[in-house]
Amino acid sequence: MKSLVTALALIAAPAITLAAQPNLLVNGSFEDSVIANGKWNVFANINGWTGTGAGIEVRNNIVGSALDGKNFVELDSYSNSGMFQTVGTSVGSSYNFSFSFANREGTVAATNGLDWTVDGGKTWNAAPTLNSSKWADFSTSFIASSASTVIGFRATGTNDALGTSLDKVSLTTAVPEPESYALMLAGLAAVGFVARRRKSA
């Protein structure tokens, strides 16, 4: 039986695939706000997100189109603004954080700009500078240092009510790569093989 288990482990190891991890953030693509096609509105807060400054501008197919779903956000509503969301995390665990962003159509690069944070604003990080209104993806990973993590964004371009578009924000638990599982199973198989040889001897 042990030989069969060992053989199956070695055969299965290279074929392991990983299921997509669920988004830990609420309303990561801003679809919970009801906005008519071709319209926009500014909210103090939206489901899952607390706005700061001049609020959260949610747009539906106006001055650009959403990457995921129908809605997307701009954080230079009437002036530069921001938003935050607190999510439960496990100390010492790794997480993947990503979002998509684009310059507002018909604007120069300087009027755009977006900072992000995963520690509630203790450290702000700038999204890469874009020279295009096409959606771009950004991703990073971090290790949680507390039982809750505060994800945030803020507009940093010219304070002129014209700013970067934001969509498809995601926070997921990081999992080992398939190769890591394969190595682990191979290691277990090797331990089982050595134990069997010792027992036979």
C-alpha atoms as a PDB file:
ATOM      1  CA  MET A   1       0.000   0.000   0.000  1.00  0.00           C
ATOM      2  CA  LYS A   2       2.805   2.425   0.883  1.00  0.00           C
ATOM      3  CA  SER A   3       4.411   1.757  -2.490  1.00  0.00           C
ATOM      4  CA  LEU A   4       1.125   2.562  -4.231  1.00  0.00           C
ATOM      5  CA  VAL A   5       0.719   5.814  -2.270  1.00  0.00           C
ATOM      6  CA  THR A   6       4.293   6.804  -3.108  1.00  0.00           C
ATOM      7  CA  ALA A   7       3.779   6.076  -6.793  1.00  0.00           C
ATOM      8  CA  LEU A   8       0.523   8.030  -6.913  1.00  0.00           C
ATOM      9  CA  ALA A   9       2.139  11.018  -5.175  1.00  0.00           C
ATOM     10  CA  LEU A  10       4.962  11.111  -7.701  1.00  0.00           C
ATOM     11  CA  ILE A  11       2.554  10.844 -10.628  1.00  0.00           C
ATOM     12  CA  ALA A  12       0.145  13.475  -9.302  1.00  0.00           C
ATOM     13  CA  ALA A  13       2.736  16.044  -8.228  1.00  0.00           C
ATOM     14  CA  PRO A  14       3.485  17.603 -11.641  1.00  0.00           C
ATOM     15  CA  ALA A  15      -0.219  17.813 -12.492  1.00  0.00           C
ATOM     16  CA  ILE A  16      -1.319  19.886  -9.489  1.00  0.00           C
ATOM     17  CA  THR A  17      -3.264  23.019 -10.423  1.00  0.00           C
ATOM     18  CA  LEU A  18      -4.372  25.793  -8.118  1.00  0.00           C
ATOM     19  CA  ALA A  19      -7.932  27.079  -7.832  1.00  0.00           C
ATOM     20  CA  ALA A  20      -8.440  30.840  -8.033  1.00  0.00           C
ATOM     21  CA  GLN A  21      -8.422  32.449  -4.615  1.00  0.00           C
ATOM     22  CA  PRO A  22     -11.485  34.530  -3.607  1.00  0.00           C
ATOM     23  CA  ASN A  23     -11.235  38.301  -3.407  1.00  0.00           C
ATOM     24  CA  LEU A  24     -11.108  39.316   0.262  1.00  0.00           C
ATOM     25  CA  LEU A  25     -12.220  42.863  -0.554  1.00  0.00           C
ATOM     26  CA  VAL A  26     -15.861  43.923  -0.678  1.00  0.00           C
ATOM     27  CA  ASN A  27     -17.009  45.564  -3.927  1.00  0.00           C
ATOM     28  CA  GLY A  28     -13.577  45.436  -5.549  1.00  0.00           C
ATOM     29  CA  SER A  29     -14.952  46.379  -8.973  1.00  0.00           C
ATOM     30  CA  PHE A  30     -17.458  48.947  -7.632  1.00  0.00           C
ATOM     31  CA  GLU A  31     -20.487  47.225  -9.129  1.00  0.00           C
ATOM     32  CA  ASP A  32     -22.634  47.689  -5.995  1.00  0.00           C
ATOM     33  CA  SER A  33     -23.317  51.353  -6.834  1.00  0.00           C
ATOM     34  CA  VAL A  34     -26.301  51.789  -9.173  1.00  0.00           C
ATOM     35  CA  ILE A  35     -25.234  54.147 -11.945  1.00  0.00           C
ATOM     36  CA  ALA A  36     -27.103  54.444 -15.246  1.00  0.00           C
ATOM     37  CA  ASN A  37     -25.193  53.873 -18.464  1.00  0.00           C
ATOM     38  CA  GLY A  38     -23.403  57.053 -19.516  1.00  0.00           C
ATOM     39  CA  LYS A  39     -23.766  58.630 -16.051  1.00  0.00           C
ATOM     40  CA  TRP A  40     -21.633  59.287 -12.986  1.00  0.00           C
ATOM     41  CA  ASN A  41     -22.149  60.220  -9.357  1.00  0.00           C
ATOM     42  CA  VAL A  42     -20.040  61.167  -6.352  1.00  0.00           C
ATOM     43  CA  PHE A  43     -20.557  59.383  -3.029  1.00  0.00           C
ATOM     44  CA  ALA A  44     -19.152  60.081   0.429  1.00  0.00           C
ATOM     45  CA  ASN A  45     -18.834  56.280   0.814  1.00  0.00           C
ATOM     46  CA  ILE A  46     -19.754  53.228  -1.258  1.00  0.00           C
ATOM     47  CA  ASN A  47     -20.291  49.622  -0.164  1.00  0.00           C
ATOM     48  CA  GLY A  48     -17.036  48.382   1.328  1.00  0.00           C
ATOM     49  CA  TRP A  49     -15.159  51.659   0.877  1.00  0.00           C
ATOM     50  CA  THR A  50     -14.926  54.778   3.058  1.00  0.00           C
ATOM     51  CA  GLY A  51     -14.261  57.942   1.100  1.00  0.00           C
ATOM     52  CA  THR A  52     -12.024  60.824   2.165  1.00  0.00           C
ATOM     53  CA  GLY A  53     -11.862  64.396   0.962  1.00  0.00           C
ATOM     54  CA  ALA A  54     -14.217  65.168  -1.910  1.00  0.00           C
ATOM     55  CA  GLY A  55     -15.597  61.630  -2.114  1.00  0.00           C
ATOM     56  CA  ILE A  56     -15.626  58.711  -4.526  1.00  0.00           C
ATOM     57  CA  GLU A  57     -16.687  59.328  -8.122  1.00  0.00           C
ATOM     58  CA  VAL A  58     -18.266  56.235  -9.696  1.00  0.00           C
ATOM     59  CA  ARG A  59     -18.681  56.237 -13.487  1.00  0.00           C
ATOM     60  CA  ASN A  60     -20.539  53.960 -15.889  1.00  0.00           C
ATOM     61  CA  ASN A  61     -19.399  54.142 -19.512  1.00  0.00           C
ATOM     62  CA  ILE A  62     -18.597  57.844 -19.471  1.00  0.00           C
ATOM     63  CA  VAL A  63     -15.126  59.281 -20.141  1.00  0.00           C
ATOM     64  CA  GLY A  64     -13.910  55.719 -20.470  1.00  0.00           C
ATOM     65  CA  SER A  65     -15.302  52.240 -19.905  1.00  0.00           C
ATOM     66  CA  ALA A  66     -14.885  49.813 -17.023  1.00  0.00           C
ATOM     67  CA  LEU A  67     -12.384  46.984 -17.307  1.00  0.00           C
ATOM     68  CA  ASP A  68     -14.416  44.658 -15.083  1.00  0.00           C
ATOM     69  CA  GLY A  69     -18.203  44.991 -15.071  1.00  0.00           C
ATOM     70  CA  LYS A  70     -19.868  48.357 -15.758  1.00  0.00           C
ATOM     71  CA  ASN A  71     -18.563  50.729 -13.073  1.00  0.00           C
ATOM     72  CA  PHE A  72     -15.169  52.192 -12.323  1.00  0.00           C
ATOM     73  CA  VAL A  73     -13.898  54.874  -9.947  1.00  0.00           C
ATOM     74  CA  GLU A  74     -12.106  58.193 -10.214  1.00  0.00           C
ATOM     75  CA  LEU A  75     -10.591  59.733  -7.077  1.00  0.00           C
ATOM     76  CA  ASP A  76     -10.257  63.304  -8.258  1.00  0.00           C
ATOM     77  CA  SER A  77     -13.994  63.891  -8.005  1.00  0.00           C
ATOM     78  CA  TYR A  78     -14.330  67.621  -7.345  1.00  0.00           C
ATOM     79  CA  SER A  79     -10.786  67.710  -6.004  1.00  0.00           C
ATOM     80  CA  ASN A  80      -8.198  65.105  -5.057  1.00  0.00           C
ATOM     81  CA  SER A  81      -9.768  62.512  -2.768  1.00  0.00           C
ATOM     82  CA  GLY A  82      -9.250  58.970  -1.518  1.00  0.00           C
ATOM     83  CA  MET A  83     -10.867  55.821  -0.155  1.00  0.00           C
ATOM     84  CA  PHE A  84     -10.092  52.999   2.283  1.00  0.00           C
ATOM     85  CA  GLN A  85     -11.269  49.514   3.165  1.00  0.00           C
ATOM     86  CA  THR A  86     -10.330  47.419   6.208  1.00  0.00           C
ATOM     87  CA  VAL A  87     -10.071  43.646   5.751  1.00  0.00           C
ATOM     88  CA  GLY A  88      -9.218  40.870   8.191  1.00  0.00           C
ATOM     89  CA  THR A  89      -5.802  39.265   7.694  1.00  0.00           C
ATOM     90  CA  SER A  90      -3.607  36.743   9.507  1.00  0.00           C
ATOM     91  CA  VAL A  91      -0.325  37.941  10.988  1.00  0.00           C
ATOM     92  CA  GLY A  92       2.606  36.473   9.070  1.00  0.00           C
ATOM     93  CA  SER A  93       0.499  35.306   6.117  1.00  0.00           C
ATOM     94  CA  SER A  94       1.283  36.398   2.551  1.00  0.00           C
ATOM     95  CA  TYR A  95      -1.246  38.235   0.383  1.00  0.00           C
ATOM     96  CA  ASN A  96      -1.447  39.284  -3.249  1.00  0.00           C
ATOM     97  CA  PHE A  97      -2.765  42.788  -3.938  1.00  0.00           C
ATOM     98  CA  SER A  98      -3.659  44.050  -7.414  1.00  0.00           C
ATOM     99  CA  PHE A  99      -5.640  46.711  -9.229  1.00  0.00           C
ATOM    100  CA  SER A 100      -6.124  48.132 -12.718  1.00  0.00           C
ATOM    101  CA  PHE A 101      -5.805  51.823 -13.560  1.00  0.00           C
ATOM    102  CA  ALA A 102      -5.765  54.198 -16.522  1.00  0.00           C
ATOM    103  CA  ASN A 103      -5.273  57.866 -17.227  1.00  0.00           C
ATOM    104  CA  ARG A 104      -8.492  59.791 -17.751  1.00  0.00           C
ATOM    105  CA  GLU A 105      -9.255  60.150 -21.451  1.00  0.00           C
ATOM    106  CA  GLY A 106      -8.295  63.471 -23.035  1.00  0.00           C
ATOM    107  CA  THR A 107      -5.960  64.588 -20.240  1.00  0.00           C
ATOM    108  CA  VAL A 108      -2.221  65.104 -19.921  1.00  0.00           C
ATOM    109  CA  ALA A 109      -0.237  62.756 -17.685  1.00  0.00           C
ATOM    110  CA  ALA A 110       0.296  65.422 -14.993  1.00  0.00           C
ATOM    111  CA  THR A 111      -3.407  65.655 -14.151  1.00  0.00           C
ATOM    112  CA  ASN A 112      -3.381  61.934 -13.327  1.00  0.00           C
ATOM    113  CA  GLY A 113      -1.700  60.117 -10.473  1.00  0.00           C
ATOM    114  CA  LEU A 114      -2.600  57.473  -7.927  1.00  0.00           C
ATOM    115  CA  ASP A 115      -1.069  56.317  -4.646  1.00  0.00           C
ATOM    116  CA  TRP A 116      -1.912  53.058  -2.878  1.00  0.00           C
ATOM    117  CA  THR A 117      -1.329  51.715   0.613  1.00  0.00           C
ATOM    118  CA  VAL A 118      -1.745  48.400   2.419  1.00  0.00           C
ATOM    119  CA  ASP A 119      -1.079  49.776   5.896  1.00  0.00           C
ATOM    120  CA  GLY A 120      -3.696  52.488   6.176  1.00  0.00           C
ATOM    121  CA  GLY A 121      -1.472  55.277   4.938  1.00  0.00           C
ATOM    122  CA  LYS A 122       1.599  54.762   7.111  1.00  0.00           C
ATOM    123  CA  THR A 123       3.342  54.139   3.803  1.00  0.00           C
ATOM    124  CA  TRP A 124       2.051  55.426   0.479  1.00  0.00           C
ATOM    125  CA  ASN A 125       3.290  53.930  -2.776  1.00  0.00           C
ATOM    126  CA  ALA A 126       2.887  55.507  -6.210  1.00  0.00           C
ATOM    127  CA  ALA A 127       1.302  53.557  -9.042  1.00  0.00           C
ATOM    128  CA  PRO A 128       3.507  53.569 -12.155  1.00  0.00           C
ATOM    129  CA  THR A 129       3.237  56.670 -14.344  1.00  0.00           C
ATOM    130  CA  LEU A 130       1.136  56.094 -17.463  1.00  0.00           C
ATOM    131  CA  ASN A 131       1.020  57.924 -20.758  1.00  0.00           C
ATOM    132  CA  SER A 132      -2.126  56.184 -21.939  1.00  0.00           C
ATOM    133  CA  SER A 133      -5.827  55.966 -21.180  1.00  0.00           C
ATOM    134  CA  LYS A 134      -5.692  52.187 -21.743  1.00  0.00           C
ATOM    135  CA  TRP A 135      -6.081  50.018 -18.654  1.00  0.00           C
ATOM    136  CA  ALA A 136      -2.867  48.794 -17.038  1.00  0.00           C
ATOM    137  CA  ASP A 137      -2.497  46.193 -14.297  1.00  0.00           C
ATOM    138  CA  PHE A 138      -0.465  46.529 -11.122  1.00  0.00           C
ATOM    139  CA  SER A 139       0.230  43.790  -8.588  1.00  0.00           C
ATOM    140  CA  THR A 140       2.390  43.237  -5.545  1.00  0.00           C
ATOM    141  CA  SER A 141       2.524  40.994  -2.507  1.00  0.00           C
ATOM    142  CA  PHE A 142       3.057  41.601   1.198  1.00  0.00           C
ATOM    143  CA  ILE A 143       3.092  39.825   4.548  1.00  0.00           C
ATOM    144  CA  ALA A 144       0.399  40.957   6.976  1.00  0.00           C
ATOM    145  CA  SER A 145       1.706  42.412  10.225  1.00  0.00           C
ATOM    146  CA  SER A 146      -1.650  42.655  12.008  1.00  0.00           C
ATOM    147  CA  ALA A 147      -5.080  41.039  12.235  1.00  0.00           C
ATOM    148  CA  SER A 148      -6.526  43.707   9.935  1.00  0.00           C
ATOM    149  CA  THR A 149      -5.107  45.421   6.879  1.00  0.00           C
ATOM    150  CA  VAL A 150      -6.276  48.792   5.586  1.00  0.00           C
ATOM    151  CA  ILE A 151      -6.188  49.036   1.795  1.00  0.00           C
ATOM    152  CA  GLY A 152      -6.334  52.579   0.434  1.00  0.00           C
ATOM    153  CA  PHE A 153      -6.021  54.792  -2.628  1.00  0.00           C
ATOM    154  CA  ARG A 154      -5.646  58.542  -3.113  1.00  0.00           C
ATOM    155  CA  ALA A 155      -5.424  60.853  -6.124  1.00  0.00           C
ATOM    156  CA  THR A 156      -2.107  62.674  -6.504  1.00  0.00           C
ATOM    157  CA  GLY A 157      -2.296  64.492  -9.836  1.00  0.00           C
ATOM    158  CA  THR A 158      -3.228  68.081 -10.476  1.00  0.00           C
ATOM    159  CA  ASN A 159      -6.120  69.052  -8.209  1.00  0.00           C
ATOM    160  CA  ASP A 160      -8.545  69.753 -11.060  1.00  0.00           C
ATOM    161  CA  ALA A 161     -11.434  67.223 -10.824  1.00  0.00           C
ATOM    162  CA  LEU A 162      -9.788  65.133 -13.572  1.00  0.00           C
ATOM    163  CA  GLY A 163      -7.874  62.062 -12.469  1.00  0.00           C
ATOM    164  CA  THR A 164      -6.854  58.425 -12.781  1.00  0.00           C
ATOM    165  CA  SER A 165      -9.479  55.725 -13.345  1.00  0.00           C
ATOM    166  CA  LEU A 166      -9.440  52.701 -11.008  1.00  0.00           C
ATOM    167  CA  ASP A 167     -11.041  49.261 -11.327  1.00  0.00           C
ATOM    168  CA  LYS A 168     -10.719  45.558 -10.437  1.00  0.00           C
ATOM    169  CA  VAL A 169      -9.113  45.905  -6.999  1.00  0.00           C
ATOM    170  CA  SER A 170      -8.253  42.528  -5.499  1.00  0.00           C
ATOM    171  CA  LEU A 171      -6.723  41.116  -2.330  1.00  0.00           C
ATOM    172  CA  THR A 172      -6.176  37.356  -2.184  1.00  0.00           C
ATOM    173  CA  THR A 173      -4.352  34.923   0.053  1.00  0.00           C
ATOM    174  CA  ALA A 174      -1.061  33.886  -1.499  1.00  0.00           C
ATOM    175  CA  VAL A 175      -0.669  30.139  -2.017  1.00  0.00           C
ATOM    176  CA  PRO A 176       2.411  28.096  -2.896  1.00  0.00           C
ATOM    177  CA  GLU A 177       3.211  27.653  -6.576  1.00  0.00           C
ATOM    178  CA  PRO A 178       2.442  24.233  -8.113  1.00  0.00           C
ATOM    179  CA  GLU A 179       6.169  23.514  -8.129  1.00  0.00           C
ATOM    180  CA  SER A 180       6.214  23.914  -4.335  1.00  0.00           C
ATOM    181  CA  TYR A 181       3.485  21.302  -3.957  1.00  0.00           C
ATOM    182  CA  ALA A 182       5.336  18.983  -6.315  1.00  0.00           C
ATOM    183  CA  LEU A 183       8.525  19.310  -4.283  1.00  0.00           C
ATOM    184  CA  MET A 184       6.634  18.722  -1.051  1.00  0.00           C
ATOM    185  CA  LEU A 185       4.996  15.565  -2.378  1.00  0.00           C
ATOM    186  CA  ALA A 186       8.272  14.331  -3.793  1.00  0.00           C
ATOM    187  CA  GLY A 187       9.871  14.880  -0.397  1.00  0.00           C
ATOM    188  CA  LEU A 188       7.114  12.958   1.361  1.00  0.00           C
ATOM    189  CA  ALA A 189       7.469  10.149  -1.158  1.00  0.00           C
ATOM    190  CA  ALA A 190      11.215  10.002  -0.533  1.00  0.00           C
ATOM    191  CA  VAL A 191      10.680   9.859   3.243  1.00  0.00           C
ATOM    192  CA  GLY A 192       8.171   7.035   2.775  1.00  0.00           C
ATOM    193  CA  PHE A 193      10.606   5.147   0.552  1.00  0.00           C
ATOM    194  CA  VAL A 194      13.454   5.443   3.069  1.00  0.00           C
ATOM    195  CA  ALA A 195      11.163   4.361   5.931  1.00  0.00           C
ATOM    196  CA  ARG A 196      10.028   1.315   3.931  1.00  0.00           C
ATOM    197  CA  ARG A 197      13.623   0.281   3.160  1.00  0.00           C
ATOM    198  CA  ARG A 198      14.576   0.557   6.818  1.00  0.00           C
ATOM    199  CA  LYS A 199      11.592  -1.563   7.822  1.00  0.00           C
ATOM    200  CA  SER A 200      12.517  -4.211   5.218  1.00  0.00           C
ATOM    201  CA  ALA A 201      16.092  -4.261   6.467  1.00  0.00           C
END
